[in-house]
Amino acid sequence: MGGERGGVSELKSLALHEPHRFDQKNIILIDDIVTTGGTMKICENVLKAHSSPSSILRFALGKTKSNYPGRNRIIQPSYARDTVR
């Protein structure tokens, strides 16, 4: 997806097929780069709204330095490799 987006448009663009397949499973969400964590949070919300996963782990290869003054990260990934400059 990349770039600036709003949570409402992202939420409408996602579909969870056969949501029962995620019930009682350990889920890993993987993203390449995390800026605010908004994309992962939207995906997590969709999973939780339509299924009952046992756990959700967030993984990112990297995180950006904040280029948005006053804008905090929504979430922290469970693991992020390093800051991308």
N, C-alpha and C. Protein backbone atom coordinates (compact mmCIF):
# COMPACT_ATOMS: atom_id res chain seq x y z
N MET A 1 0.82 -1.18 0.00
CA MET A 1 0.00 0.00 0.00
C MET A 1 0.87 1.25 0.00
N GLY A 2 1.77 1.44 0.92
CA GLY A 2 2.73 2.53 0.93
C GLY A 2 2.13 3.93 0.94
N GLY A 3 2.85 4.89 1.54
CA GLY A 3 2.44 6.28 1.51
C GLY A 3 1.38 6.63 2.54
N GLU A 4 0.92 7.86 2.46
CA GLU A 4 -0.11 8.34 3.39
C GLU A 4 -1.46 7.71 3.08
N ARG A 5 -2.15 7.27 4.11
CA ARG A 5 -3.47 6.67 3.92
C ARG A 5 -4.28 6.94 5.17
N GLY A 6 -5.57 6.77 5.01
CA GLY A 6 -6.46 6.90 6.16
C GLY A 6 -6.95 5.54 6.59
N GLY A 7 -7.17 5.36 7.86
CA GLY A 7 -7.62 4.08 8.39
C GLY A 7 -8.93 3.60 7.81
N VAL A 8 -9.86 4.51 7.55
CA VAL A 8 -11.16 4.11 7.02
C VAL A 8 -11.02 3.52 5.63
N SER A 9 -10.22 4.15 4.76
CA SER A 9 -10.05 3.62 3.41
C SER A 9 -9.32 2.29 3.44
N GLU A 10 -8.34 2.13 4.34
CA GLU A 10 -7.65 0.86 4.46
C GLU A 10 -8.59 -0.23 4.93
N LEU A 11 -9.39 0.08 5.93
CA LEU A 11 -10.32 -0.90 6.48
C LEU A 11 -11.29 -1.39 5.40
N LYS A 12 -11.77 -0.49 4.57
CA LYS A 12 -12.70 -0.87 3.51
C LYS A 12 -12.02 -1.68 2.42
N SER A 13 -10.70 -1.55 2.27
CA SER A 13 -9.99 -2.25 1.21
C SER A 13 -9.57 -3.67 1.60
N LEU A 14 -9.74 -4.04 2.87
CA LEU A 14 -9.32 -5.36 3.33
C LEU A 14 -10.50 -6.31 3.43
N ALA A 15 -10.25 -7.56 3.10
CA ALA A 15 -11.26 -8.60 3.25
C ALA A 15 -10.59 -9.81 3.89
N LEU A 16 -11.30 -10.46 4.75
CA LEU A 16 -10.79 -11.65 5.42
C LEU A 16 -11.62 -12.84 4.96
N HIS A 17 -11.04 -13.66 4.11
CA HIS A 17 -11.74 -14.82 3.58
C HIS A 17 -11.61 -15.99 4.55
N GLU A 18 -12.68 -16.68 4.76
CA GLU A 18 -12.71 -17.82 5.68
C GLU A 18 -12.14 -17.44 7.05
N PRO A 19 -12.73 -16.46 7.71
CA PRO A 19 -12.18 -15.97 8.98
C PRO A 19 -12.06 -17.05 10.06
N HIS A 20 -12.89 -18.08 9.99
CA HIS A 20 -12.82 -19.15 11.00
C HIS A 20 -11.45 -19.85 10.99
N ARG A 21 -10.73 -19.75 9.88
CA ARG A 21 -9.42 -20.40 9.79
C ARG A 21 -8.39 -19.73 10.71
N PHE A 22 -8.68 -18.52 11.18
CA PHE A 22 -7.76 -17.79 12.06
C PHE A 22 -8.10 -17.98 13.54
N ASP A 23 -9.24 -18.63 13.81
CA ASP A 23 -9.64 -18.85 15.20
C ASP A 23 -8.62 -19.73 15.92
N GLN A 24 -8.26 -19.30 17.12
CA GLN A 24 -7.34 -20.05 17.99
C GLN A 24 -5.99 -20.33 17.34
N LYS A 25 -5.56 -19.45 16.44
CA LYS A 25 -4.24 -19.57 15.79
C LYS A 25 -3.34 -18.44 16.26
N ASN A 26 -2.04 -18.68 16.21
CA ASN A 26 -1.05 -17.64 16.47
C ASN A 26 -0.74 -16.99 15.13
N ILE A 27 -0.98 -15.69 15.02
CA ILE A 27 -0.86 -14.96 13.76
C ILE A 27 0.38 -14.07 13.80
N ILE A 28 1.12 -14.03 12.69
CA ILE A 28 2.25 -13.13 12.55
C ILE A 28 1.92 -12.14 11.44
N LEU A 29 1.90 -10.85 11.77
CA LEU A 29 1.73 -9.80 10.77
C LEU A 29 3.12 -9.31 10.39
N ILE A 30 3.41 -9.27 9.11
CA ILE A 30 4.74 -8.86 8.63
C ILE A 30 4.59 -7.64 7.73
N ASP A 31 5.40 -6.64 8.00
CA ASP A 31 5.43 -5.42 7.18
C ASP A 31 6.90 -5.12 6.89
N ASP A 32 7.15 -4.49 5.75
CA ASP A 32 8.53 -4.17 5.43
C ASP A 32 9.05 -3.02 6.28
N ILE A 33 8.35 -1.89 6.25
CA ILE A 33 8.77 -0.70 7.00
C ILE A 33 7.58 -0.16 7.79
N VAL A 34 7.81 0.19 9.04
CA VAL A 34 6.77 0.75 9.89
C VAL A 34 7.09 2.23 10.13
N THR A 35 6.10 3.08 9.88
CA THR A 35 6.25 4.50 10.22
C THR A 35 5.45 4.78 11.48
N THR A 36 4.13 4.67 11.42
CA THR A 36 3.31 4.87 12.62
C THR A 36 2.74 3.57 13.14
N GLY A 37 2.74 2.53 12.33
CA GLY A 37 2.13 1.26 12.73
C GLY A 37 0.67 1.17 12.36
N GLY A 38 0.17 2.17 11.65
CA GLY A 38 -1.25 2.21 11.30
C GLY A 38 -1.72 1.03 10.48
N THR A 39 -0.91 0.62 9.50
CA THR A 39 -1.30 -0.51 8.64
C THR A 39 -1.43 -1.79 9.46
N MET A 40 -0.46 -2.03 10.33
CA MET A 40 -0.53 -3.23 11.17
C MET A 40 -1.73 -3.18 12.11
N LYS A 41 -2.00 -2.00 12.64
CA LYS A 41 -3.13 -1.86 13.57
C LYS A 41 -4.45 -2.14 12.86
N ILE A 42 -4.60 -1.63 11.63
CA ILE A 42 -5.82 -1.90 10.86
C ILE A 42 -5.96 -3.40 10.60
N CYS A 43 -4.88 -4.05 10.19
CA CYS A 43 -4.92 -5.50 9.95
C CYS A 43 -5.28 -6.26 11.22
N GLU A 44 -4.69 -5.86 12.32
CA GLU A 44 -4.99 -6.49 13.61
C GLU A 44 -6.46 -6.31 13.97
N ASN A 45 -6.99 -5.11 13.75
CA ASN A 45 -8.40 -4.84 14.05
C ASN A 45 -9.33 -5.70 13.20
N VAL A 46 -9.01 -5.85 11.91
CA VAL A 46 -9.83 -6.69 11.02
C VAL A 46 -9.80 -8.14 11.50
N LEU A 47 -8.62 -8.64 11.83
CA LEU A 47 -8.52 -10.02 12.34
C LEU A 47 -9.35 -10.22 13.60
N LYS A 48 -9.23 -9.29 14.53
CA LYS A 48 -9.96 -9.42 15.80
C LYS A 48 -11.46 -9.24 15.63
N ALA A 49 -11.88 -8.44 14.64
CA ALA A 49 -13.31 -8.20 14.43
C ALA A 49 -14.01 -9.40 13.80
N HIS A 50 -13.27 -10.20 13.03
CA HIS A 50 -13.90 -11.28 12.28
C HIS A 50 -13.46 -12.68 12.68
N SER A 51 -12.50 -12.78 13.60
CA SER A 51 -12.03 -14.09 14.05
C SER A 51 -11.55 -13.97 15.49
N SER A 52 -11.08 -15.08 16.02
CA SER A 52 -10.61 -15.10 17.41
C SER A 52 -9.22 -15.72 17.47
N PRO A 53 -8.19 -14.98 17.01
CA PRO A 53 -6.84 -15.54 17.06
C PRO A 53 -6.35 -15.67 18.51
N SER A 54 -5.50 -16.66 18.75
CA SER A 54 -4.92 -16.82 20.09
C SER A 54 -3.97 -15.68 20.41
N SER A 55 -3.16 -15.30 19.40
CA SER A 55 -2.23 -14.19 19.60
C SER A 55 -1.90 -13.58 18.24
N ILE A 56 -1.43 -12.34 18.28
CA ILE A 56 -0.99 -11.65 17.07
C ILE A 56 0.37 -11.03 17.37
N LEU A 57 1.37 -11.44 16.60
CA LEU A 57 2.72 -10.92 16.72
C LEU A 57 2.99 -9.99 15.54
N ARG A 58 3.54 -8.80 15.81
CA ARG A 58 3.86 -7.85 14.74
C ARG A 58 5.35 -7.90 14.47
N PHE A 59 5.70 -7.98 13.18
CA PHE A 59 7.10 -8.05 12.79
C PHE A 59 7.34 -7.09 11.64
N ALA A 60 8.40 -6.30 11.73
CA ALA A 60 8.77 -5.39 10.65
C ALA A 60 10.27 -5.47 10.43
N LEU A 61 10.67 -5.31 9.18
CA LEU A 61 12.09 -5.34 8.87
C LEU A 61 12.79 -4.07 9.32
N GLY A 62 12.05 -2.98 9.39
CA GLY A 62 12.64 -1.72 9.83
C GLY A 62 11.58 -0.72 10.21
N LYS A 63 12.01 0.37 10.82
CA LYS A 63 11.08 1.44 11.15
C LYS A 63 11.73 2.76 10.76
N THR A 64 10.92 3.69 10.33
CA THR A 64 11.43 4.98 9.90
C THR A 64 11.61 5.90 11.09
N LYS A 65 12.46 6.89 10.91
CA LYS A 65 12.52 7.97 11.88
C LYS A 65 11.26 8.78 11.65
N SER A 66 10.72 9.36 12.68
CA SER A 66 9.49 10.13 12.53
C SER A 66 9.76 11.41 11.76
N ASN A 67 9.10 11.54 10.62
CA ASN A 67 9.16 12.78 9.84
C ASN A 67 7.89 13.59 10.05
N TYR A 68 7.11 13.20 11.03
CA TYR A 68 5.84 13.84 11.29
C TYR A 68 5.86 14.41 12.71
N PRO A 69 6.29 15.67 12.86
CA PRO A 69 6.34 16.27 14.20
C PRO A 69 4.98 16.18 14.91
N GLY A 70 5.01 15.76 16.14
CA GLY A 70 3.80 15.67 16.94
C GLY A 70 2.97 14.44 16.66
N ARG A 71 3.42 13.59 15.75
CA ARG A 71 2.66 12.38 15.41
C ARG A 71 3.37 11.17 16.01
N ASN A 72 2.72 10.52 16.92
CA ASN A 72 3.31 9.38 17.61
C ASN A 72 2.99 8.09 16.88
N ARG A 73 3.80 7.11 17.15
CA ARG A 73 3.52 5.79 16.61
C ARG A 73 2.26 5.24 17.27
N ILE A 74 1.43 4.62 16.45
CA ILE A 74 0.22 3.99 16.96
C ILE A 74 0.59 2.74 17.72
N ILE A 75 1.49 1.96 17.14
CA ILE A 75 1.97 0.73 17.78
C ILE A 75 3.46 0.62 17.54
N GLN A 76 4.09 -0.20 18.31
CA GLN A 76 5.47 -0.59 18.06
C GLN A 76 5.43 -2.02 17.55
N PRO A 77 6.20 -2.34 16.51
CA PRO A 77 6.24 -3.73 16.09
C PRO A 77 6.89 -4.57 17.19
N SER A 78 6.55 -5.83 17.24
CA SER A 78 7.17 -6.72 18.22
C SER A 78 8.67 -6.80 17.98
N TYR A 79 9.08 -6.68 16.71
CA TYR A 79 10.49 -6.67 16.38
C TYR A 79 10.69 -5.82 15.15
N ALA A 80 11.62 -4.90 15.20
CA ALA A 80 12.00 -4.11 14.03
C ALA A 80 13.53 -4.12 13.98
N ARG A 81 14.08 -4.36 12.83
CA ARG A 81 15.51 -4.56 12.66
C ARG A 81 16.35 -3.33 12.98
N ASP A 82 16.03 -2.20 12.43
CA ASP A 82 16.83 -1.01 12.65
C ASP A 82 16.08 0.18 12.09
N THR A 83 16.57 1.35 12.35
CA THR A 83 15.96 2.56 11.80
C THR A 83 16.45 2.76 10.37
N VAL A 84 15.54 2.99 9.47
CA VAL A 84 15.90 3.26 8.08
C VAL A 84 16.12 4.75 7.93
N ARG A 85 17.22 5.14 7.35
CA ARG A 85 17.54 6.57 7.23
C ARG A 85 17.49 7.02 5.81
